[in-house]
Amino acid sequence: MDALKNFASKNFTEQVELLKDIEKKKDYAAIPELAELCKQSDPFDQATFMAKNTLRSLLLENEAYTLKGLMSDNLNLKKISLQVCCRKKCPSATSILLTLFSSLISKQSSELISGHLYYNEGFEILSALSLIQPPEALEIFRQYMHHKDSLIASLAIKTIGQYKDVESVDALCKIVAKAEADDRYEECELTVAGAIDALAMINTDKAISFLASKIHHLNPVARRIIHAVFPRLGPETIHYIAPFLLDADTDVKIMAVNILGAIGDKKGAEFIVEAVDKGIADHPNVKFAVYEALGQMFSMKSLVHLTDGLFEPDPSILIAVVNSLNNQINPGVTKKIKEIIGKDETHASRLINAIVASRAINLFESLYEDETIGNKMIEAILKSNDKGLCGRFSEKLKAMKNKRAGSDANKIKSISSGQSNKKILIVDDSKSMLAFYRTVISAMQISVTAAENGQQAWDILESDNSFNLILTDLNMPVMTGIELTQKVRANNSVDRIPIVIATTESEQSQEQLAKKMGANDFIIKPFSANQLQNKINTLI
């Protein structure tokens, strides 16, 4: 093409117009010369960048030219053709890709790892094959599952999962199991995370049974990824988790309950209630988890068990009961609460405080019509010393649109928290625990900011580094407490903030790991308000 021969002498506007014209006319004859233009050494040259885009656009429209490009000696054309194969998932490219990969491996005796002369090209070929997923390439990915290079091994493992390769289940299980070794459990390697997801994709009885047996994996990140598998796959996985409700290990029981709660199916509620009848809730942490989980599963059995829980004497457990009932409110529940409040003054105060602390708006509204109970709830709100909580109930009262509610709304809206300039970031995926923390810490006249997982907490810290303490749960979705601790300690703007990890974990290795990653202290659930306050006072 004469126009491209003079390309370098044209001004930028003319170059852009020319390339647009080639793309519009689908001038495939320009491909060789476009490939030559892409050889410019300056990667930031705008004309080179535009030429690459034009070349890519032409190849996307013409598979035959893309296949020719794969076999070209022009490395730029070859690279862009590979990228197009990845994007278009061209099955017709399979034999060429396999030949290219075989040839590439035979060119150099050293293993295909970072630093290898043909590493980038080899990785791109494998990436294209992983997207196309031809049966002929399966054996290659099986071989590369245990590769020394973690990126290549991770790609192979992910692709094995996408193939749903049943024959690889044993190998994948070994990868996950070996990650619990004393010298490996502190870090979750890419291959381990990939193996867990691959087993979930393969989704055979053997694969899911294995993952269920590892819900208390020693590595917190691996554990988080395993826990996420079961809600993702849905109710059909319930029967894999249910047997662990009767496990001798309290931590395993709690995790099984939490997973069934996250699945949220009433069949899970039936298994939990049956397990409670067999005595599994003899530990307060298990009991707390049971009440929280039942709040996520709407069934008559859950409702009955939660209503019975209204008599729980422990404040944090009672908050869990109230929080769950708030999602399943009905006239029967309201009637039962009124009866309890009318009969036992001591427990009435405890129950009203739980309703207020958990911000149980639905229960509050249903009980407020009883003036005596309504006045007691307003009194508890005023005593909370929590401006955010007062604001929440004030909004609800205003929406009721009656004279008494309006008066009470103004009364609690005008409250002054009287808080000091100290601030604590609380992090927990349990809304009931967050409510308990708010109540206890607000009573200390300390400001509270809440996050439901480590990632939310990190987002807050990126915009506000003025916290005096971080109080975080260990096991959470999205980002665990240990992952959060690692990020905090690696960042100069927040690395000096003390961190306390609160957990149900009784495994000594988890405490050791948390402290190694930078946690200042541990507090084991269950703990009283006084114990939490004492722990806070030692650090701020």
Protein backbone atom coordinates (compact mmCIF):
# COMPACT_ATOMS: atom_id res chain seq x y z
CA MET A 1 0.00 0.00 0.00
CA ASP A 2 1.51 3.30 -1.11
CA ALA A 3 -0.31 5.21 1.61
CA LEU A 4 1.30 3.15 4.35
CA LYS A 5 4.73 3.45 2.80
CA ASN A 6 4.54 7.19 3.42
CA PHE A 7 2.91 6.72 6.80
CA ALA A 8 5.85 8.07 8.84
CA SER A 9 5.97 11.32 6.87
CA LYS A 10 2.33 12.17 7.55
CA ASN A 11 1.23 14.26 10.51
CA PHE A 12 -0.63 12.56 13.35
CA THR A 13 -4.10 13.62 12.21
CA GLU A 14 -3.45 12.22 8.73
CA GLN A 15 -2.12 8.98 10.25
CA VAL A 16 -5.26 8.58 12.35
CA GLU A 17 -7.55 9.21 9.37
CA LEU A 18 -5.62 6.71 7.27
CA LEU A 19 -5.81 3.99 9.90
CA LYS A 20 -9.53 4.66 10.39
CA ASP A 21 -10.05 4.34 6.65
CA ILE A 22 -8.21 0.99 6.55
CA GLU A 23 -10.33 -0.30 9.42
CA LYS A 24 -13.57 0.96 7.89
CA LYS A 25 -12.84 -0.60 4.49
CA LYS A 26 -11.61 -3.81 6.15
CA ASP A 27 -8.49 -3.63 4.02
CA TYR A 28 -6.92 -6.97 5.00
CA ALA A 29 -4.13 -6.47 2.46
CA ALA A 30 -2.75 -3.84 4.85
CA ILE A 31 -2.14 -6.42 7.60
CA PRO A 32 1.54 -7.17 6.76
CA GLU A 33 2.44 -3.47 6.65
CA LEU A 34 0.48 -2.75 9.83
CA ALA A 35 2.47 -5.51 11.50
CA GLU A 36 5.68 -3.79 10.38
CA LEU A 37 4.47 -0.48 11.80
CA CYS A 38 3.94 -2.21 15.13
CA LYS A 39 7.67 -2.87 15.36
CA GLN A 40 8.29 0.71 16.54
CA SER A 41 10.55 0.53 19.57
CA ASP A 42 8.72 3.24 21.51
CA PRO A 43 5.67 1.58 23.13
CA PHE A 44 4.23 5.02 23.94
CA ASP A 45 4.28 6.21 20.32
CA GLN A 46 0.69 7.14 19.50
CA ALA A 47 0.91 6.08 15.86
CA THR A 48 2.23 2.65 16.87
CA PHE A 49 -0.58 2.32 19.39
CA MET A 50 -3.18 3.20 16.74
CA ALA A 51 -1.63 0.78 14.25
CA LYS A 52 -1.87 -2.05 16.78
CA ASN A 53 -5.53 -1.28 17.40
CA THR A 54 -6.24 -1.24 13.65
CA LEU A 55 -4.40 -4.54 13.18
CA ARG A 56 -6.29 -6.10 16.08
CA SER A 57 -9.61 -4.88 14.69
CA LEU A 58 -8.90 -6.40 11.25
CA LEU A 59 -7.86 -9.75 12.74
CA LEU A 60 -10.99 -9.87 14.90
CA GLU A 61 -13.03 -9.66 11.70
CA ASN A 62 -11.07 -12.29 9.77
CA GLU A 63 -10.26 -15.63 11.35
CA ALA A 64 -8.24 -16.85 8.36
CA TYR A 65 -5.82 -13.95 8.66
CA THR A 66 -5.60 -14.54 12.41
CA LEU A 67 -4.54 -18.14 11.83
CA LYS A 68 -1.93 -16.99 9.32
CA GLY A 69 -0.74 -14.45 11.86
CA LEU A 70 -0.15 -17.21 14.41
CA MET A 71 2.36 -18.80 12.04
CA SER A 72 4.03 -15.53 11.06
CA ASP A 73 7.70 -14.80 11.68
CA ASN A 74 6.66 -11.27 12.58
CA LEU A 75 6.56 -11.40 16.37
CA ASN A 76 4.20 -8.41 16.64
CA LEU A 77 1.68 -9.99 14.29
CA LYS A 78 2.05 -13.31 16.08
CA LYS A 79 1.48 -11.72 19.50
CA ILE A 80 -1.61 -9.77 18.43
CA SER A 81 -2.97 -12.88 16.66
CA LEU A 82 -2.59 -14.79 19.92
CA GLN A 83 -4.47 -12.07 21.76
CA VAL A 84 -7.25 -12.24 19.18
CA CYS A 85 -7.42 -16.03 19.58
CA CYS A 86 -7.90 -15.52 23.32
CA ARG A 87 -10.62 -12.97 22.77
CA LYS A 88 -12.50 -14.90 20.08
CA LYS A 89 -11.85 -18.41 21.46
CA CYS A 90 -11.15 -19.74 17.97
CA PRO A 91 -11.51 -23.57 17.89
CA SER A 92 -9.95 -23.58 14.42
CA ALA A 93 -6.70 -22.36 15.98
CA THR A 94 -6.30 -25.46 18.16
CA SER A 95 -3.91 -27.48 15.99
CA ILE A 96 -1.72 -24.42 15.30
CA LEU A 97 -1.58 -23.52 19.00
CA LEU A 98 -0.66 -27.06 19.99
CA THR A 99 2.07 -27.15 17.34
CA LEU A 100 3.39 -23.77 18.44
CA PHE A 101 3.49 -24.83 22.08
CA SER A 102 5.25 -28.11 21.30
CA SER A 103 7.80 -26.28 19.16
CA LEU A 104 8.34 -23.62 21.80
CA ILE A 105 9.01 -26.19 24.54
CA SER A 106 11.51 -28.05 22.38
CA LYS A 107 13.45 -24.86 21.58
CA GLN A 108 15.02 -24.60 25.03
CA SER A 109 15.90 -27.32 27.49
CA SER A 110 15.12 -25.25 30.63
CA GLU A 111 11.65 -25.38 32.17
CA LEU A 112 9.01 -22.82 31.16
CA ILE A 113 9.23 -20.48 34.13
CA SER A 114 9.55 -16.72 34.50
CA GLY A 115 12.82 -15.69 32.87
CA HIS A 116 12.57 -18.37 30.17
CA LEU A 117 13.24 -16.88 26.73
CA TYR A 118 9.78 -17.91 25.45
CA TYR A 119 7.87 -17.60 28.74
CA ASN A 120 5.46 -14.83 27.65
CA GLU A 121 4.66 -16.52 24.36
CA GLY A 122 4.17 -19.87 26.09
CA PHE A 123 1.84 -18.34 28.67
CA GLU A 124 -0.22 -16.64 25.93
CA ILE A 125 -0.56 -19.91 24.02
CA LEU A 126 -1.70 -21.71 27.18
CA SER A 127 -4.13 -18.86 27.88
CA ALA A 128 -5.64 -19.20 24.41
CA LEU A 129 -5.96 -22.97 24.80
CA SER A 130 -7.54 -22.53 28.23
CA LEU A 131 -10.24 -20.34 26.70
CA ILE A 132 -10.85 -22.62 23.70
CA GLN A 133 -10.69 -25.76 25.88
CA PRO A 134 -10.18 -28.31 23.10
CA PRO A 135 -10.15 -31.94 24.28
CA GLU A 136 -6.67 -32.37 22.76
CA ALA A 137 -5.19 -29.83 25.21
CA LEU A 138 -6.51 -31.41 28.41
CA GLU A 139 -3.42 -33.54 28.95
CA ILE A 140 -1.17 -30.47 28.74
CA PHE A 141 -3.08 -28.79 31.56
CA ARG A 142 -2.95 -31.96 33.65
CA GLN A 143 0.84 -31.98 33.27
CA TYR A 144 1.17 -28.30 34.17
CA MET A 145 -0.99 -28.47 37.33
CA HIS A 146 2.13 -29.00 39.44
CA HIS A 147 4.37 -26.66 37.48
CA LYS A 148 7.05 -24.69 39.34
CA ASP A 149 5.76 -21.38 38.00
CA SER A 150 2.70 -20.43 40.10
CA LEU A 151 1.02 -18.45 37.31
CA ILE A 152 1.22 -21.32 34.85
CA ALA A 153 0.18 -23.86 37.49
CA SER A 154 -2.77 -21.67 38.51
CA LEU A 155 -3.86 -21.29 34.89
CA ALA A 156 -3.68 -25.07 34.43
CA ILE A 157 -5.67 -25.72 37.61
CA LYS A 158 -8.35 -23.20 36.68
CA THR A 159 -8.65 -24.75 33.22
CA ILE A 160 -8.88 -28.25 34.70
CA GLY A 161 -11.89 -26.99 36.67
CA GLN A 162 -13.46 -25.52 33.55
CA TYR A 163 -12.97 -28.85 31.78
CA LYS A 164 -14.75 -30.45 34.77
CA ASP A 165 -12.02 -33.07 34.65
CA VAL A 166 -13.08 -35.79 37.09
CA GLU A 167 -9.75 -37.59 36.72
CA SER A 168 -7.97 -34.62 38.28
CA VAL A 169 -10.02 -34.54 41.50
CA ASP A 170 -7.51 -36.56 43.52
CA ALA A 171 -4.63 -34.34 42.42
CA LEU A 172 -6.60 -31.20 43.29
CA CYS A 173 -7.52 -32.57 46.71
CA LYS A 174 -3.84 -33.22 47.43
CA ILE A 175 -2.95 -29.63 46.58
CA VAL A 176 -5.52 -28.34 49.10
CA ALA A 177 -4.59 -30.88 51.77
CA LYS A 178 -0.83 -30.26 51.52
CA ALA A 179 -1.44 -26.57 52.18
CA GLU A 180 -2.19 -27.47 55.81
CA ALA A 181 1.38 -28.66 56.44
CA ASP A 182 3.20 -26.92 59.29
CA ASP A 183 5.54 -25.15 56.88
CA ARG A 184 2.82 -24.07 54.43
CA TYR A 185 -0.43 -23.19 56.19
CA GLU A 186 0.52 -19.57 56.92
CA GLU A 187 0.05 -18.49 53.30
CA CYS A 188 -2.60 -19.46 50.76
CA GLU A 189 -0.81 -19.96 47.46
CA LEU A 190 -2.52 -19.17 44.16
CA THR A 191 -2.60 -22.85 43.31
CA VAL A 192 -4.45 -23.72 46.52
CA ALA A 193 -7.13 -21.10 45.95
CA GLY A 194 -7.41 -22.27 42.33
CA ALA A 195 -7.68 -25.92 43.36
CA ILE A 196 -10.59 -25.14 45.69
CA ASP A 197 -12.46 -23.32 42.94
CA ALA A 198 -11.64 -26.08 40.45
CA LEU A 199 -13.09 -28.73 42.77
CA ALA A 200 -16.24 -26.61 43.09
CA MET A 201 -16.50 -26.37 39.30
CA ILE A 202 -16.02 -30.12 38.85
CA ASN A 203 -18.72 -30.55 41.50
CA THR A 204 -18.70 -34.32 41.92
CA ASP A 205 -19.66 -36.10 45.13
CA LYS A 206 -16.00 -36.76 45.88
CA ALA A 207 -14.94 -33.15 45.22
CA ILE A 208 -17.65 -31.55 47.39
CA SER A 209 -17.30 -34.14 50.17
CA PHE A 210 -13.60 -33.31 50.35
CA LEU A 211 -14.26 -29.56 50.53
CA ALA A 212 -16.83 -30.13 53.29
CA SER A 213 -14.19 -32.03 55.27
CA LYS A 214 -11.91 -28.98 54.99
CA ILE A 215 -14.26 -26.27 56.29
CA HIS A 216 -11.77 -25.80 59.15
CA HIS A 217 -8.73 -25.62 56.88
CA LEU A 218 -5.71 -24.30 58.78
CA ASN A 219 -5.18 -21.43 56.36
CA PRO A 220 -7.78 -18.66 56.91
CA VAL A 221 -7.87 -17.60 53.25
CA ALA A 222 -8.31 -21.17 52.03
CA ARG A 223 -11.01 -21.57 54.67
CA ARG A 224 -12.79 -18.43 53.44
CA ILE A 225 -12.74 -19.67 49.84
CA ILE A 226 -14.03 -23.12 50.88
CA HIS A 227 -16.86 -21.57 52.90
CA ALA A 228 -17.93 -19.50 49.89
CA VAL A 229 -18.28 -22.60 47.71
CA PHE A 230 -21.39 -24.00 49.42
CA PRO A 231 -23.72 -20.96 49.23
CA ARG A 232 -22.58 -20.52 45.63
CA LEU A 233 -23.53 -24.09 44.72
CA GLY A 234 -26.76 -23.82 46.70
CA PRO A 235 -29.11 -26.07 48.69
CA GLU A 236 -27.92 -29.27 46.99
CA THR A 237 -24.74 -29.03 49.11
CA ILE A 238 -26.59 -28.99 52.45
CA HIS A 239 -26.26 -32.73 53.00
CA TYR A 240 -22.46 -32.46 52.72
CA ILE A 241 -22.28 -29.90 55.54
CA ALA A 242 -25.02 -31.21 57.86
CA PRO A 243 -22.97 -34.13 59.33
CA PHE A 244 -20.39 -31.65 60.65
CA LEU A 245 -23.02 -30.14 62.95
CA LEU A 246 -22.35 -33.15 65.18
CA ASP A 247 -18.56 -32.92 64.98
CA ALA A 248 -16.64 -33.14 68.24
CA ASP A 249 -14.75 -29.94 67.39
CA THR A 250 -16.65 -26.82 68.48
CA ASP A 251 -15.03 -24.71 65.76
CA VAL A 252 -16.21 -27.14 63.08
CA LYS A 253 -19.77 -27.08 64.47
CA ILE A 254 -19.82 -23.28 64.34
CA MET A 255 -18.52 -23.21 60.78
CA ALA A 256 -21.06 -25.80 59.66
CA VAL A 257 -23.86 -23.74 61.20
CA ASN A 258 -22.56 -20.55 59.57
CA ILE A 259 -22.35 -22.17 56.14
CA LEU A 260 -25.90 -23.56 56.38
CA GLY A 261 -27.06 -20.09 57.40
CA ALA A 262 -25.32 -18.58 54.37
CA ILE A 263 -27.01 -21.14 52.09
CA GLY A 264 -30.28 -19.91 53.57
CA ASP A 265 -32.52 -22.88 52.77
CA LYS A 266 -35.16 -24.17 55.20
CA LYS A 267 -33.77 -27.70 54.85
CA GLY A 268 -30.65 -26.39 56.55
CA ALA A 269 -32.80 -25.04 59.37
CA GLU A 270 -34.27 -28.51 59.90
CA PHE A 271 -30.80 -30.03 60.21
CA ILE A 272 -29.72 -27.32 62.65
CA VAL A 273 -32.77 -27.68 64.90
CA GLU A 274 -32.37 -31.48 64.90
CA ALA A 275 -28.72 -31.05 65.88
CA VAL A 276 -29.69 -28.64 68.68
CA ASP A 277 -32.15 -31.24 69.99
CA LYS A 278 -29.17 -33.62 70.14
CA GLY A 279 -27.27 -31.17 72.35
CA ILE A 280 -24.83 -29.40 70.00
CA ALA A 281 -25.61 -25.95 71.41
CA ASP A 282 -23.96 -26.63 74.75
CA HIS A 283 -21.31 -24.02 73.96
CA PRO A 284 -22.34 -20.34 73.87
CA ASN A 285 -20.50 -19.74 70.60
CA VAL A 286 -22.44 -22.56 68.94
CA LYS A 287 -25.68 -21.22 70.40
CA PHE A 288 -24.92 -17.73 69.05
CA ALA A 289 -24.16 -19.14 65.59
CA VAL A 290 -27.37 -21.20 65.62
CA TYR A 291 -29.58 -18.20 66.37
CA GLU A 292 -27.88 -16.09 63.70
CA ALA A 293 -28.13 -18.83 61.09
CA LEU A 294 -31.82 -19.50 61.79
CA GLY A 295 -32.50 -15.84 61.12
CA GLN A 296 -31.39 -16.42 57.53
CA MET A 297 -33.70 -19.40 56.98
CA PHE A 298 -37.43 -18.77 56.99
CA SER A 299 -39.22 -21.83 58.34
CA MET A 300 -41.62 -22.69 61.14
CA LYS A 301 -38.91 -24.65 62.95
CA SER A 302 -36.55 -21.64 62.86
CA LEU A 303 -39.28 -19.35 64.15
CA VAL A 304 -40.20 -21.65 67.04
CA HIS A 305 -36.57 -22.06 68.08
CA LEU A 306 -35.90 -18.33 67.83
CA THR A 307 -38.99 -17.53 69.89
CA ASP A 308 -37.76 -19.92 72.58
CA GLY A 309 -34.47 -18.03 72.47
CA LEU A 310 -36.15 -14.87 73.77
CA PHE A 311 -35.42 -16.18 77.27
CA GLU A 312 -31.64 -16.28 76.74
CA PRO A 313 -29.89 -14.45 79.61
CA ASP A 314 -26.62 -13.66 77.78
CA PRO A 315 -26.81 -10.14 76.25
CA SER A 316 -24.86 -10.94 73.07
CA ILE A 317 -26.81 -14.15 72.42
CA LEU A 318 -30.08 -12.34 73.05
CA ILE A 319 -29.05 -9.72 70.49
CA ALA A 320 -28.57 -12.55 67.96
CA VAL A 321 -32.07 -13.87 68.76
CA VAL A 322 -33.68 -10.45 68.43
CA ASN A 323 -31.77 -9.60 65.25
CA SER A 324 -32.99 -12.83 63.63
CA LEU A 325 -36.58 -12.40 64.79
CA ASN A 326 -36.60 -8.90 63.39
CA ASN A 327 -36.44 -10.53 59.94
CA GLN A 328 -39.33 -12.88 60.71
CA ILE A 329 -41.70 -10.60 62.59
CA ASN A 330 -45.32 -11.66 62.95
CA PRO A 331 -48.16 -11.04 65.47
CA GLY A 332 -47.25 -14.21 67.39
CA VAL A 333 -43.70 -13.03 67.99
CA THR A 334 -44.90 -9.60 69.09
CA LYS A 335 -47.39 -11.16 71.50
CA LYS A 336 -44.71 -13.42 73.00
CA ILE A 337 -42.32 -10.51 73.58
CA LYS A 338 -45.07 -8.48 75.25
CA GLU A 339 -45.83 -11.42 77.57
CA ILE A 340 -42.17 -11.78 78.56
CA ILE A 341 -41.77 -8.04 79.20
CA GLY A 342 -44.92 -8.04 81.32
CA LYS A 343 -43.87 -10.98 83.49
CA ASP A 344 -40.18 -10.52 84.33
CA GLU A 345 -38.89 -7.00 84.95
CA THR A 346 -35.22 -8.03 84.97
CA HIS A 347 -35.44 -9.93 81.70
CA ALA A 348 -37.74 -7.25 80.26
CA SER A 349 -34.91 -4.74 80.61
CA ARG A 350 -32.47 -7.18 79.03
CA LEU A 351 -34.82 -7.84 76.11
CA ILE A 352 -35.58 -4.16 75.48
CA ASN A 353 -31.85 -3.37 75.49
CA ALA A 354 -31.31 -6.14 72.93
CA ILE A 355 -34.04 -4.72 70.66
CA VAL A 356 -32.44 -1.28 70.85
CA ALA A 357 -28.84 -2.48 70.48
CA SER A 358 -29.65 -4.60 67.40
CA ARG A 359 -31.61 -1.72 65.84
CA ALA A 360 -34.51 -4.13 65.37
CA ILE A 361 -36.75 -1.59 63.65
CA ASN A 362 -39.52 -4.05 62.76
CA LEU A 363 -39.83 -5.31 66.33
CA PHE A 364 -39.59 -1.76 67.66
CA GLU A 365 -42.49 -0.61 65.47
CA SER A 366 -44.70 -3.57 66.43
CA LEU A 367 -44.05 -3.05 70.17
CA TYR A 368 -44.14 0.76 70.22
CA GLU A 369 -47.96 0.87 70.03
CA ASP A 370 -47.94 -0.43 73.63
CA GLU A 371 -47.22 2.87 75.37
CA THR A 372 -45.59 1.32 78.44
CA ILE A 373 -43.19 -0.78 76.35
CA GLY A 374 -42.70 2.11 73.94
CA ASN A 375 -41.60 4.40 76.77
CA LYS A 376 -39.15 1.79 78.03
CA MET A 377 -37.63 1.45 74.58
CA ILE A 378 -37.26 5.24 74.23
CA GLU A 379 -35.56 5.34 77.63
CA ALA A 380 -33.12 2.61 76.50
CA ILE A 381 -32.39 4.51 73.29
CA LEU A 382 -31.61 7.68 75.23
CA LYS A 383 -29.24 5.75 77.50
CA SER A 384 -27.38 4.18 74.58
CA ASN A 385 -24.99 7.10 74.09
CA ASP A 386 -25.01 6.16 70.39
CA LYS A 387 -25.92 9.04 68.11
CA GLY A 388 -26.17 6.82 65.03
CA LEU A 389 -28.57 4.47 66.78
CA CYS A 390 -30.69 7.41 67.97
CA GLY A 391 -30.83 8.75 64.44
CA ARG A 392 -32.04 5.41 63.10
CA PHE A 393 -34.92 5.15 65.59
CA SER A 394 -35.76 8.85 65.19
CA GLU A 395 -36.28 8.33 61.45
CA LYS A 396 -38.58 5.38 62.14
CA LEU A 397 -40.62 7.32 64.67
CA LYS A 398 -41.10 10.20 62.26
CA ALA A 399 -42.38 7.78 59.60
CA MET A 400 -45.08 6.54 62.02
CA LYS A 401 -46.76 9.96 61.77
CA ASN A 402 -48.52 10.21 65.12
CA LYS A 403 -48.16 12.78 67.87
CA ARG A 404 -46.45 10.56 70.48
CA ALA A 405 -44.02 9.15 67.93
CA GLY A 406 -43.20 12.64 66.67
CA SER A 407 -42.48 13.87 70.17
CA ASP A 408 -40.24 10.87 70.91
CA ALA A 409 -38.46 11.32 67.58
CA ASN A 410 -37.49 14.87 68.49
CA LYS A 411 -36.48 13.80 71.98
CA ILE A 412 -33.96 11.16 70.84
CA LYS A 413 -32.77 13.13 67.81
CA SER A 414 -31.53 15.94 70.05
CA ILE A 415 -29.32 13.63 72.12
CA SER A 416 -25.67 14.59 72.45
CA SER A 417 -23.45 11.52 72.53
CA GLY A 418 -20.78 13.11 74.72
CA GLN A 419 -18.17 10.91 73.06
CA SER A 420 -14.43 11.46 73.38
CA ASN A 421 -12.19 11.95 70.37
CA LYS A 422 -11.21 8.28 70.40
CA LYS A 423 -12.37 6.07 67.54
CA ILE A 424 -12.57 2.31 67.05
CA LEU A 425 -13.13 0.46 63.77
CA ILE A 426 -15.14 -2.72 64.39
CA VAL A 427 -15.13 -5.44 61.74
CA ASP A 428 -17.37 -8.51 61.76
CA ASP A 429 -19.67 -10.26 59.28
CA SER A 430 -22.13 -10.85 62.13
CA LYS A 431 -24.60 -7.99 62.48
CA SER A 432 -25.36 -9.19 65.99
CA MET A 433 -21.69 -8.94 67.02
CA LEU A 434 -21.46 -5.48 65.49
CA ALA A 435 -24.52 -4.48 67.53
CA PHE A 436 -22.94 -5.88 70.70
CA TYR A 437 -19.67 -4.03 70.01
CA ARG A 438 -21.51 -0.75 69.38
CA THR A 439 -23.37 -1.04 72.67
CA VAL A 440 -20.28 -1.85 74.73
CA ILE A 441 -17.96 0.68 73.09
CA SER A 442 -20.50 3.52 72.96
CA ALA A 443 -20.91 3.09 76.74
CA MET A 444 -17.19 3.93 76.98
CA GLN A 445 -17.92 7.22 75.15
CA ILE A 446 -15.81 6.08 72.19
CA SER A 447 -16.89 6.67 68.58
CA VAL A 448 -17.55 3.52 66.53
CA THR A 449 -17.31 2.84 62.79
CA ALA A 450 -18.45 -0.57 61.53
CA ALA A 451 -17.48 -2.78 58.58
CA GLU A 452 -18.89 -6.19 57.66
CA ASN A 453 -15.66 -7.69 56.26
CA GLY A 454 -11.98 -6.92 55.90
CA GLN A 455 -12.36 -5.31 52.49
CA GLN A 456 -14.97 -2.84 53.74
CA ALA A 457 -12.69 -2.06 56.67
CA TRP A 458 -9.73 -1.48 54.35
CA ASP A 459 -11.81 0.85 52.17
CA ILE A 460 -12.63 2.88 55.30
CA LEU A 461 -8.99 2.96 56.41
CA GLU A 462 -7.86 4.23 53.01
CA SER A 463 -9.90 7.39 53.56
CA ASP A 464 -9.58 7.67 57.36
CA ASN A 465 -6.41 6.64 59.21
CA SER A 466 -7.30 8.26 62.53
CA PHE A 467 -8.62 5.18 64.35
CA ASN A 468 -7.20 4.36 67.78
CA LEU A 469 -7.98 0.64 67.51
CA ILE A 470 -9.18 -1.98 65.05
CA LEU A 471 -11.30 -4.77 66.53
CA THR A 472 -11.80 -7.45 63.90
CA ASP A 473 -13.24 -10.92 63.55
CA LEU A 474 -10.95 -13.63 62.18
CA ASN A 475 -13.19 -15.61 59.81
CA MET A 476 -15.10 -13.38 57.38
CA PRO A 477 -16.11 -13.49 53.71
CA VAL A 478 -14.34 -11.34 51.09
CA MET A 479 -11.33 -10.61 53.33
CA THR A 480 -10.43 -12.28 56.64
CA GLY A 481 -9.16 -10.55 59.76
CA ILE A 482 -5.67 -11.89 59.12
CA GLU A 483 -5.68 -10.57 55.53
CA LEU A 484 -6.80 -7.19 56.87
CA THR A 485 -4.02 -7.26 59.48
CA GLN A 486 -1.43 -7.95 56.78
CA LYS A 487 -2.64 -5.01 54.68
CA VAL A 488 -2.68 -2.66 57.67
CA ARG A 489 0.84 -3.60 58.76
CA ALA A 490 2.14 -3.13 55.21
CA ASN A 491 0.80 0.42 54.90
CA ASN A 492 2.73 3.30 56.48
CA SER A 493 -0.33 5.47 57.06
CA VAL A 494 -2.14 2.94 59.29
CA ASP A 495 0.51 0.44 60.37
CA ARG A 496 0.69 1.74 63.96
CA ILE A 497 -3.01 1.24 64.75
CA PRO A 498 -3.37 -1.53 67.38
CA ILE A 499 -5.32 -4.57 66.18
CA VAL A 500 -7.31 -6.97 68.34
CA ILE A 501 -8.69 -10.10 66.70
CA ALA A 502 -11.88 -11.51 68.18
CA THR A 503 -12.72 -15.07 67.25
CA THR A 504 -14.43 -18.30 68.19
CA GLU A 505 -11.30 -20.20 67.07
CA SER A 506 -9.79 -22.44 69.73
CA GLU A 507 -6.98 -23.62 67.41
CA GLN A 508 -3.67 -22.34 68.83
CA SER A 509 -2.15 -22.13 65.35
CA GLN A 510 -4.64 -19.43 64.38
CA GLU A 511 -3.65 -17.18 67.27
CA GLN A 512 0.03 -17.69 66.47
CA LEU A 513 -0.58 -16.86 62.81
CA ALA A 514 -2.56 -13.71 63.66
CA LYS A 515 0.19 -12.45 65.95
CA LYS A 516 2.85 -13.24 63.38
CA MET A 517 0.95 -11.14 60.83
CA GLY A 518 0.89 -8.20 63.23
CA ALA A 519 -2.11 -8.53 65.55
CA ASN A 520 -1.46 -6.95 68.95
CA ASP A 521 -3.84 -9.14 70.90
CA PHE A 522 -6.55 -11.77 70.77
CA ILE A 523 -9.90 -12.00 72.52
CA ILE A 524 -11.70 -15.35 72.45
CA LYS A 525 -15.49 -15.44 72.14
CA PRO A 526 -17.61 -15.54 74.18
CA PHE A 527 -16.61 -12.56 76.27
CA SER A 528 -18.54 -10.18 78.48
CA ALA A 529 -18.91 -6.44 78.07
CA ASN A 530 -16.47 -5.92 80.95
CA GLN A 531 -13.87 -8.22 79.38
CA LEU A 532 -14.09 -6.36 76.08
CA GLN A 533 -13.84 -2.98 77.78
CA ASN A 534 -10.80 -4.10 79.76
CA LYS A 535 -9.13 -5.31 76.58
CA ILE A 536 -9.80 -1.99 74.86
CA ASN A 537 -8.52 0.00 77.84
CA THR A 538 -5.19 -1.81 77.75
CA LEU A 539 -4.58 -0.68 74.16
CA ILE A 540 -5.94 2.87 73.88
